[in-house]
PDB file of N, CA and C in Angstrom:
ATOM      1  N   MET A   1      59.806   4.543  53.426  1.00  0.00           N
ATOM      2  CA  MET A   1      60.364   5.882  53.537  1.00  0.00           C
ATOM      3  C   MET A   1      59.231   6.879  53.798  1.00  0.00           C
ATOM      4  N   ALA A   2      59.419   7.762  54.756  1.00  0.00           N
ATOM      5  CA  ALA A   2      58.413   8.755  55.114  1.00  0.00           C
ATOM      6  C   ALA A   2      58.335   9.834  54.042  1.00  0.00           C
ATOM      7  N   LYS A   3      57.116  10.288  53.792  1.00  0.00           N
ATOM      8  CA  LYS A   3      56.899  11.355  52.818  1.00  0.00           C
ATOM      9  C   LYS A   3      57.254  12.699  53.459  1.00  0.00           C
ATOM     10  N   GLN A   4      57.699  13.647  52.634  1.00  0.00           N
ATOM     11  CA  GLN A   4      58.088  14.968  53.112  1.00  0.00           C
ATOM     12  C   GLN A   4      56.869  15.879  53.174  1.00  0.00           C
ATOM     13  N   SER A   5      56.851  16.735  54.168  1.00  0.00           N
ATOM     14  CA  SER A   5      55.763  17.704  54.257  1.00  0.00           C
ATOM     15  C   SER A   5      56.240  19.107  53.885  1.00  0.00           C
ATOM     16  N   ALA A   6      57.536  19.239  53.603  1.00  0.00           N
ATOM     17  CA  ALA A   6      58.100  20.532  53.224  1.00  0.00           C
ATOM     18  C   ALA A   6      58.836  20.403  51.902  1.00  0.00           C
ATOM     19  N   LEU A   7      58.946  21.497  51.217  1.00  0.00           N
ATOM     20  CA  LEU A   7      59.675  21.541  49.961  1.00  0.00           C
ATOM     21  C   LEU A   7      61.158  21.314  50.229  1.00  0.00           C
ATOM     22  N   PRO A   8      61.824  20.451  49.464  1.00  0.00           N
ATOM     23  CA  PRO A   8      63.255  20.260  49.694  1.00  0.00           C
ATOM     24  C   PRO A   8      64.032  21.533  49.344  1.00  0.00           C
ATOM     25  N   ASP A   9      65.146  21.749  50.034  1.00  0.00           N
ATOM     26  CA  ASP A   9      65.981  22.925  49.769  1.00  0.00           C
ATOM     27  C   ASP A   9      66.593  22.874  48.372  1.00  0.00           C
ATOM     28  N   ASP A  10      66.919  21.672  47.931  1.00  0.00           N
ATOM     29  CA  ASP A  10      67.522  21.488  46.609  1.00  0.00           C
ATOM     30  C   ASP A  10      66.566  20.709  45.722  1.00  0.00           C
ATOM     31  N   TYR A  11      66.525  21.069  44.452  1.00  0.00           N
ATOM     32  CA  TYR A  11      65.637  20.399  43.502  1.00  0.00           C
ATOM     33  C   TYR A  11      66.075  18.954  43.288  1.00  0.00           C
ATOM     34  N   SER A  12      65.104  18.071  43.193  1.00  0.00           N
ATOM     35  CA  SER A  12      65.345  16.706  42.733  1.00  0.00           C
ATOM     36  C   SER A  12      64.168  16.341  41.827  1.00  0.00           C
ATOM     37  N   PRO A  13      64.412  15.562  40.780  1.00  0.00           N
ATOM     38  CA  PRO A  13      63.361  15.255  39.802  1.00  0.00           C
ATOM     39  C   PRO A  13      62.127  14.576  40.401  1.00  0.00           C
ATOM     40  N   ASP A  14      62.281  13.929  41.550  1.00  0.00           N
ATOM     41  CA  ASP A  14      61.144  13.228  42.156  1.00  0.00           C
ATOM     42  C   ASP A  14      60.563  13.973  43.359  1.00  0.00           C
ATOM     43  N   PHE A  15      60.790  15.287  43.434  1.00  0.00           N
ATOM     44  CA  PHE A  15      60.318  16.022  44.612  1.00  0.00           C
ATOM     45  C   PHE A  15      58.793  15.967  44.736  1.00  0.00           C
ATOM     46  N   LEU A  16      58.066  15.958  43.619  1.00  0.00           N
ATOM     47  CA  LEU A  16      56.605  15.889  43.688  1.00  0.00           C
ATOM     48  C   LEU A  16      56.140  14.573  44.295  1.00  0.00           C
ATOM     49  N   GLU A  17      56.784  13.488  43.903  1.00  0.00           N
ATOM     50  CA  GLU A  17      56.416  12.166  44.402  1.00  0.00           C
ATOM     51  C   GLU A  17      56.792  11.986  45.873  1.00  0.00           C
ATOM     52  N   LYS A  18      57.833  12.669  46.319  1.00  0.00           N
ATOM     53  CA  LYS A  18      58.286  12.540  47.706  1.00  0.00           C
ATOM     54  C   LYS A  18      57.441  13.340  48.700  1.00  0.00           C
ATOM     55  N   LEU A  19      56.656  14.301  48.203  1.00  0.00           N
ATOM     56  CA  LEU A  19      55.845  15.127  49.099  1.00  0.00           C
ATOM     57  C   LEU A  19      54.661  14.326  49.629  1.00  0.00           C
ATOM     58  N   ASP A  20      54.335  14.545  50.878  1.00  0.00           N
ATOM     59  CA  ASP A  20      53.186  13.912  51.509  1.00  0.00           C
ATOM     60  C   ASP A  20      51.920  14.503  50.891  1.00  0.00           C
ATOM     61  N   GLY A  21      51.175  13.678  50.184  1.00  0.00           N
ATOM     62  CA  GLY A  21      49.983  14.136  49.476  1.00  0.00           C
ATOM     63  C   GLY A  21      48.915  14.729  50.356  1.00  0.00           C
ATOM     64  N   ARG A  22      48.989  14.497  51.660  1.00  0.00           N
ATOM     65  CA  ARG A  22      47.998  15.056  52.584  1.00  0.00           C
ATOM     66  C   ARG A  22      48.281  16.517  52.910  1.00  0.00           C
ATOM     67  N   SER A  23      49.490  16.981  52.614  1.00  0.00           N
ATOM     68  CA  SER A  23      49.858  18.357  52.963  1.00  0.00           C
ATOM     69  C   SER A  23      49.303  19.340  51.934  1.00  0.00           C
ATOM     70  N   SER A  24      49.014  20.548  52.399  1.00  0.00           N
ATOM     71  CA  SER A  24      48.506  21.581  51.486  1.00  0.00           C
ATOM     72  C   SER A  24      49.567  21.959  50.461  1.00  0.00           C
ATOM     73  N   LEU A  25      50.842  21.896  50.851  1.00  0.00           N
ATOM     74  CA  LEU A  25      51.922  22.185  49.913  1.00  0.00           C
ATOM     75  C   LEU A  25      51.901  21.184  48.768  1.00  0.00           C
ATOM     76  N   ALA A  26      51.806  19.904  49.078  1.00  0.00           N
ATOM     77  CA  ALA A  26      51.804  18.872  48.037  1.00  0.00           C
ATOM     78  C   ALA A  26      50.617  19.056  47.102  1.00  0.00           C
ATOM     79  N   ARG A  27      49.455  19.303  47.674  1.00  0.00           N
ATOM     80  CA  ARG A  27      48.267  19.493  46.836  1.00  0.00           C
ATOM     81  C   ARG A  27      48.440  20.711  45.932  1.00  0.00           C
ATOM     82  N   ALA A  28      49.008  21.786  46.459  1.00  0.00           N
ATOM     83  CA  ALA A  28      49.182  23.015  45.680  1.00  0.00           C
ATOM     84  C   ALA A  28      50.176  22.819  44.537  1.00  0.00           C
ATOM     85  N   VAL A  29      51.342  22.249  44.829  1.00  0.00           N
ATOM     86  CA  VAL A  29      52.342  22.111  43.759  1.00  0.00           C
ATOM     87  C   VAL A  29      51.909  21.079  42.723  1.00  0.00           C
ATOM     88  N   ARG A  30      51.234  20.016  43.148  1.00  0.00           N
ATOM     89  CA  ARG A  30      50.742  19.025  42.177  1.00  0.00           C
ATOM     90  C   ARG A  30      49.649  19.622  41.304  1.00  0.00           C
ATOM     91  N   SER A  31      48.791  20.426  41.898  1.00  0.00           N
ATOM     92  CA  SER A  31      47.737  21.091  41.135  1.00  0.00           C
ATOM     93  C   SER A  31      48.338  22.061  40.117  1.00  0.00           C
ATOM     94  N   ARG A  32      49.335  22.810  40.542  1.00  0.00           N
ATOM     95  CA  ARG A  32      49.984  23.765  39.634  1.00  0.00           C
ATOM     96  C   ARG A  32      50.706  23.038  38.497  1.00  0.00           C
ATOM     97  N   TYR A  33      51.353  21.916  38.831  1.00  0.00           N
ATOM     98  CA  TYR A  33      52.028  21.133  37.800  1.00  0.00           C
ATOM     99  C   TYR A  33      51.003  20.638  36.782  1.00  0.00           C
ATOM    100  N   ALA A  34      49.889  20.096  37.256  1.00  0.00           N
ATOM    101  CA  ALA A  34      48.853  19.597  36.352  1.00  0.00           C
ATOM    102  C   ALA A  34      48.284  20.725  35.495  1.00  0.00           C
ATOM    103  N   GLU A  35      48.092  21.886  36.100  1.00  0.00           N
ATOM    104  CA  GLU A  35      47.573  23.031  35.350  1.00  0.00           C
ATOM    105  C   GLU A  35      48.564  23.487  34.288  1.00  0.00           C
ATOM    106  N   LEU A  36      49.843  23.527  34.631  1.00  0.00           N
ATOM    107  CA  LEU A  36      50.870  23.917  33.668  1.00  0.00           C
ATOM    108  C   LEU A  36      50.925  22.924  32.512  1.00  0.00           C
ATOM    109  N   VAL A  37      50.910  21.629  32.832  1.00  0.00           N
ATOM    110  CA  VAL A  37      50.925  20.602  31.781  1.00  0.00           C
ATOM    111  C   VAL A  37      49.706  20.768  30.873  1.00  0.00           C
ATOM    112  N   GLY A  38      48.545  21.017  31.469  1.00  0.00           N
ATOM    113  CA  GLY A  38      47.343  21.244  30.674  1.00  0.00           C
ATOM    114  C   GLY A  38      47.470  22.462  29.782  1.00  0.00           C
ATOM    115  N   ASP A  39      48.014  23.540  30.315  1.00  0.00           N
ATOM    116  CA  ASP A  39      48.195  24.762  29.526  1.00  0.00           C
ATOM    117  C   ASP A  39      49.167  24.553  28.370  1.00  0.00           C
ATOM    118  N   LEU A  40      50.097  23.615  28.544  1.00  0.00           N
ATOM    119  CA  LEU A  40      51.078  23.338  27.487  1.00  0.00           C
ATOM    120  C   LEU A  40      50.562  22.319  26.475  1.00  0.00           C
ATOM    121  N   GLY A  41      49.326  21.873  26.637  1.00  0.00           N
ATOM    122  CA  GLY A  41      48.727  20.998  25.644  1.00  0.00           C
ATOM    123  C   GLY A  41      48.569  19.555  26.075  1.00  0.00           C
ATOM    124  N   GLY A  42      48.963  19.230  27.285  1.00  0.00           N
ATOM    125  CA  GLY A  42      48.722  17.865  27.774  1.00  0.00           C
ATOM    126  C   GLY A  42      49.922  16.956  27.672  1.00  0.00           C
ATOM    127  N   ASP A  43      49.881  16.009  26.787  1.00  0.00           N
ATOM    128  CA  ASP A  43      50.899  14.965  26.681  1.00  0.00           C
ATOM    129  C   ASP A  43      52.250  15.572  26.292  1.00  0.00           C
ATOM    130  N   LEU A  44      53.116  15.818  27.282  1.00  0.00           N
ATOM    131  CA  LEU A  44      54.383  16.515  27.050  1.00  0.00           C
ATOM    132  C   LEU A  44      55.536  15.546  26.834  1.00  0.00           C
ATOM    133  N   SER A  45      56.538  16.036  26.146  1.00  0.00           N
ATOM    134  CA  SER A  45      57.780  15.276  25.995  1.00  0.00           C
ATOM    135  C   SER A  45      58.492  15.213  27.346  1.00  0.00           C
ATOM    136  N   TYR A  46      59.445  14.318  27.445  1.00  0.00           N
ATOM    137  CA  TYR A  46      60.240  14.206  28.671  1.00  0.00           C
ATOM    138  C   TYR A  46      60.874  15.558  29.013  1.00  0.00           C
ATOM    139  N   GLN A  47      61.416  16.224  28.014  1.00  0.00           N
ATOM    140  CA  GLN A  47      62.116  17.486  28.239  1.00  0.00           C
ATOM    141  C   GLN A  47      61.179  18.535  28.823  1.00  0.00           C
ATOM    142  N   ARG A  48      59.983  18.644  28.267  1.00  0.00           N
ATOM    143  CA  ARG A  48      59.034  19.638  28.769  1.00  0.00           C
ATOM    144  C   ARG A  48      58.546  19.280  30.174  1.00  0.00           C
ATOM    145  N   ARG A  49      58.320  17.988  30.448  1.00  0.00           N
ATOM    146  CA  ARG A  49      57.913  17.576  31.806  1.00  0.00           C
ATOM    147  C   ARG A  49      59.012  17.928  32.807  1.00  0.00           C
ATOM    148  N   SER A  50      60.274  17.706  32.415  1.00  0.00           N
ATOM    149  CA  SER A  50      61.406  18.017  33.284  1.00  0.00           C
ATOM    150  C   SER A  50      61.465  19.519  33.581  1.00  0.00           C
ATOM    151  N   LEU A  51      61.319  20.336  32.552  1.00  0.00           N
ATOM    152  CA  LEU A  51      61.334  21.789  32.746  1.00  0.00           C
ATOM    153  C   LEU A  51      60.125  22.246  33.563  1.00  0.00           C
ATOM    154  N   ALA A  52      58.967  21.633  33.333  1.00  0.00           N
ATOM    155  CA  ALA A  52      57.757  22.005  34.065  1.00  0.00           C
ATOM    156  C   ALA A  52      57.923  21.731  35.557  1.00  0.00           C
ATOM    157  N   LYS A  53      58.511  20.586  35.905  1.00  0.00           N
ATOM    158  CA  LYS A  53      58.739  20.280  37.323  1.00  0.00           C
ATOM    159  C   LYS A  53      59.681  21.305  37.947  1.00  0.00           C
ATOM    160  N   ARG A  54      60.708  21.677  37.210  1.00  0.00           N
ATOM    161  CA  ARG A  54      61.674  22.637  37.727  1.00  0.00           C
ATOM    162  C   ARG A  54      61.038  24.008  37.959  1.00  0.00           C
ATOM    163  N   VAL A  55      60.213  24.447  37.029  1.00  0.00           N
ATOM    164  CA  VAL A  55      59.598  25.763  37.196  1.00  0.00           C
ATOM    165  C   VAL A  55      58.601  25.750  38.347  1.00  0.00           C
ATOM    166  N   ILE A  56      57.911  24.645  38.562  1.00  0.00           N
ATOM    167  CA  ILE A  56      56.980  24.558  39.691  1.00  0.00           C
ATOM    168  C   ILE A  56      57.748  24.584  41.014  1.00  0.00           C
ATOM    169  N   TRP A  57      58.895  23.895  41.071  1.00  0.00           N
ATOM    170  CA  TRP A  57      59.722  23.919  42.290  1.00  0.00           C
ATOM    171  C   TRP A  57      60.236  25.340  42.540  1.00  0.00           C
ATOM    172  N   LEU A  58      60.728  25.996  41.479  1.00  0.00           N
ATOM    173  CA  LEU A  58      61.221  27.372  41.631  1.00  0.00           C
ATOM    174  C   LEU A  58      60.113  28.303  42.103  1.00  0.00           C
ATOM    175  N   GLU A  59      58.932  28.175  41.519  1.00  0.00           N
ATOM    176  CA  GLU A  59      57.807  29.017  41.909  1.00  0.00           C
ATOM    177  C   GLU A  59      57.489  28.850  43.396  1.00  0.00           C
ATOM    178  N   ALA A  60      57.483  27.611  43.854  1.00  0.00           N
ATOM    179  CA  ALA A  60      57.196  27.348  45.275  1.00  0.00           C
ATOM    180  C   ALA A  60      58.278  27.947  46.174  1.00  0.00           C
ATOM    181  N   THR A  61      59.548  27.848  45.771  1.00  0.00           N
ATOM    182  CA  THR A  61      60.619  28.406  46.605  1.00  0.00           C
ATOM    183  C   THR A  61      60.564  29.928  46.618  1.00  0.00           C
ATOM    184  N   VAL A  62      60.193  30.529  45.500  1.00  0.00           N
ATOM    185  CA  VAL A  62      60.039  31.988  45.441  1.00  0.00           C
ATOM    186  C   VAL A  62      58.914  32.424  46.367  1.00  0.00           C
ATOM    187  N   GLU A  63      57.805  31.707  46.345  1.00  0.00           N
ATOM    188  CA  GLU A  63      56.683  32.060  47.212  1.00  0.00           C
ATOM    189  C   GLU A  63      57.034  31.895  48.685  1.00  0.00           C
ATOM    190  N   GLN A  64      57.809  30.874  49.004  1.00  0.00           N
ATOM    191  CA  GLN A  64      58.238  30.695  50.394  1.00  0.00           C
ATOM    192  C   GLN A  64      59.120  31.860  50.840  1.00  0.00           C
ATOM    193  N   ALA A  65      60.017  32.298  49.973  1.00  0.00           N
ATOM    194  CA  ALA A  65      60.885  33.428  50.310  1.00  0.00           C
ATOM    195  C   ALA A  65      60.072  34.705  50.458  1.00  0.00           C
ATOM    196  N   GLU A  66      59.088  34.899  49.584  1.00  0.00           N
ATOM    197  CA  GLU A  66      58.242  36.085  49.687  1.00  0.00           C
ATOM    198  C   GLU A  66      57.428  36.077  50.991  1.00  0.00           C
ATOM    199  N   ALA A  67      56.960  34.913  51.388  1.00  0.00           N
ATOM    200  CA  ALA A  67      56.225  34.797  52.652  1.00  0.00           C
ATOM    201  C   ALA A  67      57.143  35.119  53.827  1.00  0.00           C
ATOM    202  N   ALA A  68      58.392  34.646  53.745  1.00  0.00           N
ATOM    203  CA  ALA A  68      59.361  34.942  54.806  1.00  0.00           C
ATOM    204  C   ALA A  68      59.618  36.451  54.877  1.00  0.00           C
ATOM    205  N   LEU A  69      59.744  37.102  53.732  1.00  0.00           N
ATOM    206  CA  LEU A  69      59.916  38.564  53.706  1.00  0.00           C
ATOM    207  C   LEU A  69      58.719  39.258  54.359  1.00  0.00           C
ATOM    208  N   ALA A  70      57.515  38.798  54.050  1.00  0.00           N
ATOM    209  CA  ALA A  70      56.305  39.394  54.605  1.00  0.00           C
ATOM    210  C   ALA A  70      56.256  39.236  56.127  1.00  0.00           C
ATOM    211  N   ARG A  71      56.867  38.157  56.640  1.00  0.00           N
ATOM    212  CA  ARG A  71      56.913  37.949  58.097  1.00  0.00           C
ATOM    213  C   ARG A  71      58.054  38.724  58.744  1.00  0.00           C
ATOM    214  N   GLY A  72      58.825  39.446  57.937  1.00  0.00           N
ATOM    215  CA  GLY A  72      59.935  40.234  58.455  1.00  0.00           C
ATOM    216  C   GLY A  72      61.221  39.458  58.623  1.00  0.00           C
ATOM    217  N   GLU A  73      61.274  38.266  58.063  1.00  0.00           N
ATOM    218  CA  GLU A  73      62.478  37.447  58.166  1.00  0.00           C
ATOM    219  C   GLU A  73      63.513  37.892  57.132  1.00  0.00           C
ATOM    220  N   GLU A  74      64.751  37.570  57.404  1.00  0.00           N
ATOM    221  CA  GLU A  74      65.821  37.906  56.484  1.00  0.00           C
ATOM    222  C   GLU A  74      65.860  36.890  55.350  1.00  0.00           C
ATOM    223  N   VAL A  75      65.963  37.401  54.120  1.00  0.00           N
ATOM    224  CA  VAL A  75      65.985  36.554  52.930  1.00  0.00           C
ATOM    225  C   VAL A  75      67.137  37.009  52.049  1.00  0.00           C
ATOM    226  N   ASP A  76      67.809  36.055  51.429  1.00  0.00           N
ATOM    227  CA  ASP A  76      68.889  36.361  50.488  1.00  0.00           C
ATOM    228  C   ASP A  76      68.253  36.888  49.201  1.00  0.00           C
ATOM    229  N   LEU A  77      68.247  38.201  49.045  1.00  0.00           N
ATOM    230  CA  LEU A  77      67.586  38.820  47.895  1.00  0.00           C
ATOM    231  C   LEU A  77      68.270  38.480  46.573  1.00  0.00           C
ATOM    232  N   GLY A  78      69.570  38.272  46.601  1.00  0.00           N
ATOM    233  CA  GLY A  78      70.284  37.875  45.397  1.00  0.00           C
ATOM    234  C   GLY A  78      69.822  36.505  44.910  1.00  0.00           C
ATOM    235  N   ALA A  79      69.701  35.564  45.844  1.00  0.00           N
ATOM    236  CA  ALA A  79      69.233  34.217  45.498  1.00  0.00           C
ATOM    237  C   ALA A  79      67.782  34.258  45.031  1.00  0.00           C
ATOM    238  N   LEU A  80      66.967  35.089  45.680  1.00  0.00           N
ATOM    239  CA  LEU A  80      65.565  35.219  45.288  1.00  0.00           C
ATOM    240  C   LEU A  80      65.466  35.766  43.865  1.00  0.00           C
ATOM    241  N   THR A  81      66.228  36.793  43.571  1.00  0.00           N
ATOM    242  CA  THR A  81      66.228  37.383  42.230  1.00  0.00           C
ATOM    243  C   THR A  81      66.696  36.364  41.193  1.00  0.00           C
ATOM    244  N   GLN A  82      67.716  35.599  41.533  1.00  0.00           N
ATOM    245  CA  GLN A  82      68.234  34.577  40.622  1.00  0.00           C
ATOM    246  C   GLN A  82      67.165  33.520  40.337  1.00  0.00           C
ATOM    247  N   ARG A  83      66.430  33.117  41.358  1.00  0.00           N
ATOM    248  CA  ARG A  83      65.365  32.118  41.160  1.00  0.00           C
ATOM    249  C   ARG A  83      64.244  32.681  40.294  1.00  0.00           C
ATOM    250  N   ILE A  84      63.882  33.936  40.521  1.00  0.00           N
ATOM    251  CA  ILE A  84      62.830  34.554  39.704  1.00  0.00           C
ATOM    252  C   ILE A  84      63.280  34.621  38.252  1.00  0.00           C
ATOM    253  N   ASN A  85      64.525  35.025  38.010  1.00  0.00           N
ATOM    254  CA  ASN A  85      65.039  35.089  36.644  1.00  0.00           C
ATOM    255  C   ASN A  85      65.078  33.704  35.998  1.00  0.00           C
ATOM    256  N   SER A  86      65.462  32.689  36.760  1.00  0.00           N
ATOM    257  CA  SER A  86      65.468  31.317  36.241  1.00  0.00           C
ATOM    258  C   SER A  86      64.051  30.868  35.899  1.00  0.00           C
ATOM    259  N   MET A  87      63.113  31.214  36.762  1.00  0.00           N
ATOM    260  CA  MET A  87      61.714  30.863  36.541  1.00  0.00           C
ATOM    261  C   MET A  87      61.196  31.513  35.256  1.00  0.00           C
ATOM    262  N   ILE A  88      61.514  32.785  35.063  1.00  0.00           N
ATOM    263  CA  ILE A  88      61.093  33.501  33.858  1.00  0.00           C
ATOM    264  C   ILE A  88      61.685  32.827  32.621  1.00  0.00           C
ATOM    265  N   GLY A  89      62.959  32.456  32.681  1.00  0.00           N
ATOM    266  CA  GLY A  89      63.595  31.785  31.554  1.00  0.00           C
ATOM    267  C   GLY A  89      62.934  30.455  31.221  1.00  0.00           C
ATOM    268  N   LEU A  90      62.591  29.679  32.245  1.00  0.00           N
ATOM    269  CA  LEU A  90      61.926  28.402  32.007  1.00  0.00           C
ATOM    270  C   LEU A  90      60.532  28.619  31.421  1.00  0.00           C
ATOM    271  N   TYR A  91      59.798  29.591  31.943  1.00  0.00           N
ATOM    272  CA  TYR A  91      58.475  29.877  31.386  1.00  0.00           C
ATOM    273  C   TYR A  91      58.582  30.277  29.913  1.00  0.00           C
ATOM    274  N   LYS A  92      59.566  31.087  29.580  1.00  0.00           N
ATOM    275  CA  LYS A  92      59.744  31.487  28.184  1.00  0.00           C
ATOM    276  C   LYS A  92      60.088  30.290  27.314  1.00  0.00           C
ATOM    277  N   THR A  93      60.921  29.388  27.830  1.00  0.00           N
ATOM    278  CA  THR A  93      61.288  28.191  27.071  1.00  0.00           C
ATOM    279  C   THR A  93      60.079  27.284  26.866  1.00  0.00           C
ATOM    280  N   LEU A  94      59.274  27.110  27.923  1.00  0.00           N
ATOM    281  CA  LEU A  94      58.092  26.262  27.823  1.00  0.00           C
ATOM    282  C   LEU A  94      57.005  26.904  26.961  1.00  0.00           C
ATOM    283  N   GLY A  95      56.947  28.208  26.974  1.00  0.00           N
ATOM    284  CA  GLY A  95      55.916  28.937  26.242  1.00  0.00           C
ATOM    285  C   GLY A  95      54.970  29.610  27.218  1.00  0.00           C
ATOM    286  N   LEU A  96      54.663  30.846  26.950  1.00  0.00           N
ATOM    287  CA  LEU A  96      53.824  31.622  27.848  1.00  0.00           C
ATOM    288  C   LEU A  96      52.346  31.560  27.473  1.00  0.00           C
ATOM    289  N   ASP A  97      52.046  31.018  26.297  1.00  0.00           N
ATOM    290  CA  ASP A  97      50.663  30.968  25.846  1.00  0.00           C
ATOM    291  C   ASP A  97      50.074  29.582  26.033  1.00  0.00           C
ATOM    292  N   ARG A  98      48.802  29.541  26.319  1.00  0.00           N
ATOM    293  CA  ARG A  98      48.071  28.284  26.454  1.00  0.00           C
ATOM    294  C   ARG A  98      47.989  27.631  25.075  1.00  0.00           C
ATOM    295  N   VAL A  99      48.181  26.329  25.033  1.00  0.00           N
ATOM    296  CA  VAL A  99      48.146  25.574  23.785  1.00  0.00           C
ATOM    297  C   VAL A  99      46.846  24.785  23.725  1.00  0.00           C
ATOM    298  N   GLN A 100      46.142  24.921  22.595  1.00  0.00           N
ATOM    299  CA  GLN A 100      44.918  24.145  22.437  1.00  0.00           C
ATOM    300  C   GLN A 100      45.269  22.705  22.102  1.00  0.00           C
ATOM    301  N   ARG A 101      44.519  21.812  22.682  1.00  0.00           N
ATOM    302  CA  ARG A 101      44.738  20.392  22.435  1.00  0.00           C
ATOM    303  C   ARG A 101      43.651  19.920  21.483  1.00  0.00           C
ATOM    304  N   GLU A 102      44.040  19.129  20.485  1.00  0.00           N
ATOM    305  CA  GLU A 102      43.074  18.568  19.550  1.00  0.00           C
ATOM    306  C   GLU A 102      42.309  17.451  20.248  1.00  0.00           C
ATOM    307  N   VAL A 103      40.990  17.515  20.150  1.00  0.00           N
ATOM    308  CA  VAL A 103      40.137  16.492  20.747  1.00  0.00           C
ATOM    309  C   VAL A 103      39.157  16.030  19.686  1.00  0.00           C
ATOM    310  N   ASN A 104      39.055  14.714  19.509  1.00  0.00           N
ATOM    311  CA  ASN A 104      38.060  14.223  18.560  1.00  0.00           C
ATOM    312  C   ASN A 104      36.750  13.965  19.298  1.00  0.00           C
ATOM    313  N   LEU A 105      35.695  13.775  18.561  1.00  0.00           N
ATOM    314  CA  LEU A 105      34.365  13.655  19.144  1.00  0.00           C
ATOM    315  C   LEU A 105      34.257  12.457  20.085  1.00  0.00           C
ATOM    316  N   SER A 106      34.825  11.328  19.721  1.00  0.00           N
ATOM    317  CA  SER A 106      34.711  10.141  20.582  1.00  0.00           C
ATOM    318  C   SER A 106      35.434  10.350  21.914  1.00  0.00           C
ATOM    319  N   ASP A 107      36.599  11.016  21.895  1.00  0.00           N
ATOM    320  CA  ASP A 107      37.305  11.319  23.148  1.00  0.00           C
ATOM    321  C   ASP A 107      36.491  12.279  24.013  1.00  0.00           C
ATOM    322  N   PHE A 108      35.896  13.274  23.373  1.00  0.00           N
ATOM    323  CA  PHE A 108      35.080  14.246  24.098  1.00  0.00           C
ATOM    324  C   PHE A 108      33.889  13.566  24.759  1.00  0.00           C
ATOM    325  N   LEU A 109      33.205  12.715  24.009  1.00  0.00           N
ATOM    326  CA  LEU A 109      32.031  12.025  24.560  1.00  0.00           C
ATOM    327  C   LEU A 109      32.426  11.050  25.673  1.00  0.00           C
ATOM    328  N   ALA A 110      33.548  10.367  25.504  1.00  0.00           N
ATOM    329  CA  ALA A 110      34.019   9.431  26.535  1.00  0.00           C
ATOM    330  C   ALA A 110      34.351  10.194  27.815  1.00  0.00           C
ATOM    331  N   ALA A 111      35.004  11.338  27.686  1.00  0.00           N
ATOM    332  CA  ALA A 111      35.355  12.147  28.853  1.00  0.00           C
ATOM    333  C   ALA A 111      34.088  12.678  29.523  1.00  0.00           C
ATOM    334  N   ARG A 112      33.128  13.074  28.719  1.00  0.00           N
ATOM    335  CA  ARG A 112      31.876  13.603  29.261  1.00  0.00           C
ATOM    336  C   ARG A 112      31.092  12.535  30.000  1.00  0.00           C
ATOM    337  N   GLU A 113      31.078  11.323  29.474  1.00  0.00           N
ATOM    338  CA  GLU A 113      30.379  10.218  30.131  1.00  0.00           C
ATOM    339  C   GLU A 113      31.051   9.853  31.442  1.00  0.00           C
ATOM    340  N   GLY A 114      32.371   9.993  31.511  1.00  0.00           N
ATOM    341  CA  GLY A 114      33.111   9.692  32.736  1.00  0.00           C
ATOM    342  C   GLY A 114      32.806  10.657  33.856  1.00  0.00           C
ATOM    343  N   LYS A 115      32.361  11.862  33.546  1.00  0.00           N
ATOM    344  CA  LYS A 115      32.060  12.887  34.549  1.00  0.00           C
ATOM    345  C   LYS A 115      30.623  12.797  35.048  1.00  0.00           C
ATOM    346  N   SER A 116      29.766  12.093  34.342  1.00  0.00           N
ATOM    347  CA  SER A 116      28.357  12.025  34.750  1.00  0.00           C
ATOM    348  C   SER A 116      28.145  11.192  35.967  1.00  0.00           C
TER     349      SER A 116
END
């Protein structure tokens, strides 16, 4: 099956995996997902991973609509507003503050040695 180079119109739980990793879109949304997971403390429950994927998809669709507006294209402002409100709700549910992750000394040293 060929990988997608564009964001799907409708959300699906595997949209990140279906994106062609060579595309700038795929790299951007995967990076944002990883950053969000890190900000939430790392090892997330299934529920939080599911919500995180949804908010990243919504964020990407909002940015695409904003880019279309900037190009002078017609955009459904009601749908855009609804997506922004949904995104805000998901962010509030996930938490807006960065969560510190507990790290023990051996994990820290192992991670540091892996980067050398």
